[in-house]
Amino acid sequence: MPVSPKKFAIAAAGAAVLATVVAAQPAAAAGTAQMAFYSGAYGTGTETIIDLDLSGQCHDLDTPAHSAINLSDATVEVYLDTDCRPGVPGTPRDDLYFVLQAHYSGVFAYPALSYRVRV
């Protein structure tokens, strides 16, 4: 049975629209606001996605992080010691910690061991 060029064009256009919608699904899901720490520099290595709803509480990381990407509207304090203690471990009277603003990424000079989402 022959297919008219017009019907073929309509079917091809419908298939193209369907393919575009299916391809856009993962991109839409990837666009959700999140914050993640990485065991390697520049977003490499093991990824740890944090719960941004737990603001004001200190959380120790299971894996030391060397970088982070903040794709959310939240601000996150990043500490180089456990229990959100400021300072470089082993350095007395040091108050160093990082503040990772919304929509920024960072590479840490020392491994990050804990964090707190600001209220």
Protein backbone atom coordinates (compact mmCIF):
# COMPACT_ATOMS: atom_id res chain seq x y z
CA MET A 1 0.00 0.00 0.00
CA PRO A 2 1.59 3.29 -1.06
CA VAL A 3 1.91 6.09 1.51
CA SER A 4 1.29 9.65 0.41
CA PRO A 5 4.12 12.14 0.95
CA LYS A 6 1.82 14.28 3.13
CA LYS A 7 0.96 11.40 5.51
CA PHE A 8 4.62 10.40 5.67
CA ALA A 9 5.63 13.99 6.57
CA ILE A 10 3.00 14.13 9.33
CA ALA A 11 4.13 10.78 10.75
CA ALA A 12 7.79 11.83 10.62
CA ALA A 13 7.00 15.12 12.37
CA GLY A 14 5.10 13.27 15.10
CA ALA A 15 8.00 10.88 15.63
CA ALA A 16 10.42 13.82 15.84
CA VAL A 17 8.28 15.53 18.49
CA LEU A 18 8.06 12.31 20.51
CA ALA A 19 11.83 11.81 20.30
CA THR A 20 12.40 15.40 21.46
CA VAL A 21 10.08 14.98 24.46
CA VAL A 22 11.73 11.70 25.48
CA ALA A 23 15.23 13.19 25.12
CA ALA A 24 14.26 16.22 27.23
CA GLN A 25 13.11 14.11 30.21
CA PRO A 26 16.60 13.42 31.67
CA ALA A 27 17.64 17.03 31.09
CA ALA A 28 14.64 18.27 33.05
CA ALA A 29 15.39 15.89 35.91
CA ALA A 30 19.03 16.97 35.95
CA GLY A 31 17.90 20.58 36.35
CA THR A 32 16.52 20.07 39.86
CA ALA A 33 18.19 22.18 42.52
CA GLN A 34 20.82 20.22 44.40
CA MET A 35 24.16 20.44 46.12
CA ALA A 36 26.79 17.73 45.78
CA PHE A 37 30.24 17.04 47.18
CA TYR A 38 32.84 15.08 45.18
CA SER A 39 35.77 13.02 46.41
CA GLY A 40 37.94 14.34 43.57
CA ALA A 41 38.75 17.82 42.31
CA TYR A 42 36.48 19.60 39.81
CA GLY A 43 33.42 17.40 40.32
CA THR A 44 35.15 14.06 39.82
CA GLY A 45 35.12 10.92 41.92
CA THR A 46 32.39 9.75 44.26
CA GLU A 47 29.35 12.04 44.40
CA THR A 48 27.52 12.78 47.67
CA ILE A 49 24.25 14.68 47.22
CA ILE A 50 23.19 16.47 50.40
CA ASP A 51 19.72 17.11 51.80
CA LEU A 52 19.19 20.87 51.62
CA ASP A 53 16.07 20.65 53.82
CA LEU A 54 18.21 19.89 56.89
CA SER A 55 19.34 23.48 57.43
CA GLY A 56 21.10 24.67 60.54
CA GLN A 57 22.39 21.19 61.43
CA CYS A 58 25.96 19.97 61.12
CA HIS A 59 26.56 16.87 59.00
CA ASP A 60 29.79 14.91 58.68
CA LEU A 61 30.60 13.59 55.21
CA ASP A 62 31.10 9.83 54.82
CA THR A 63 33.77 10.47 52.18
CA PRO A 64 36.17 13.45 52.36
CA ALA A 65 35.38 15.92 49.58
CA HIS A 66 37.83 17.83 47.41
CA SER A 67 35.20 19.76 45.43
CA ALA A 68 31.52 20.69 45.43
CA ILE A 69 28.86 22.05 43.10
CA ASN A 70 25.92 24.03 44.48
CA LEU A 71 23.07 24.22 41.97
CA SER A 72 20.57 25.38 44.59
CA ASP A 73 19.51 28.68 46.14
CA ALA A 74 20.99 27.64 49.50
CA THR A 75 24.27 28.74 51.04
CA VAL A 76 26.40 25.96 52.53
CA GLU A 77 29.21 26.26 55.08
CA VAL A 78 31.99 23.75 54.35
CA TYR A 79 34.36 22.66 57.13
CA LEU A 80 37.75 20.96 56.97
CA ASP A 81 37.16 19.13 60.25
CA THR A 82 34.35 16.94 61.58
CA ASP A 83 31.45 18.32 63.64
CA CYS A 84 31.64 21.64 61.73
CA ARG A 85 34.69 22.76 63.66
CA PRO A 86 36.40 25.64 61.86
CA GLY A 87 40.08 25.50 61.07
CA VAL A 88 42.56 23.25 59.38
CA PRO A 89 42.98 20.05 61.44
CA GLY A 90 46.13 20.22 63.54
CA THR A 91 46.37 24.01 63.37
CA PRO A 92 45.65 25.73 66.70
CA ARG A 93 43.38 28.79 66.85
CA ASP A 94 42.50 28.65 63.18
CA ASP A 95 39.00 29.69 62.11
CA LEU A 96 39.10 28.72 58.42
CA TYR A 97 36.00 27.34 56.70
CA PHE A 98 34.43 27.90 53.28
CA VAL A 99 31.08 29.38 52.34
CA LEU A 100 29.71 27.96 49.11
CA GLN A 101 27.14 30.41 47.79
CA ALA A 102 24.13 29.49 45.69
CA HIS A 103 24.95 28.49 42.10
CA TYR A 104 28.70 28.26 42.68
CA SER A 105 31.25 25.46 42.70
CA GLY A 106 34.46 25.08 44.61
CA VAL A 107 37.67 23.10 44.83
CA PHE A 108 39.05 22.79 48.36
CA ALA A 109 42.73 23.08 49.30
CA TYR A 110 42.11 20.56 52.10
CA PRO A 111 39.52 17.77 52.20
CA ALA A 112 36.11 18.90 53.43
CA LEU A 113 34.82 16.69 56.25
CA SER A 114 31.55 18.34 57.32
CA TYR A 115 28.98 20.94 56.25
CA ARG A 116 26.01 23.00 57.42
CA VAL A 117 23.22 24.43 55.26
CA ARG A 118 22.60 28.01 56.38
CA VAL A 119 19.10 28.88 57.56
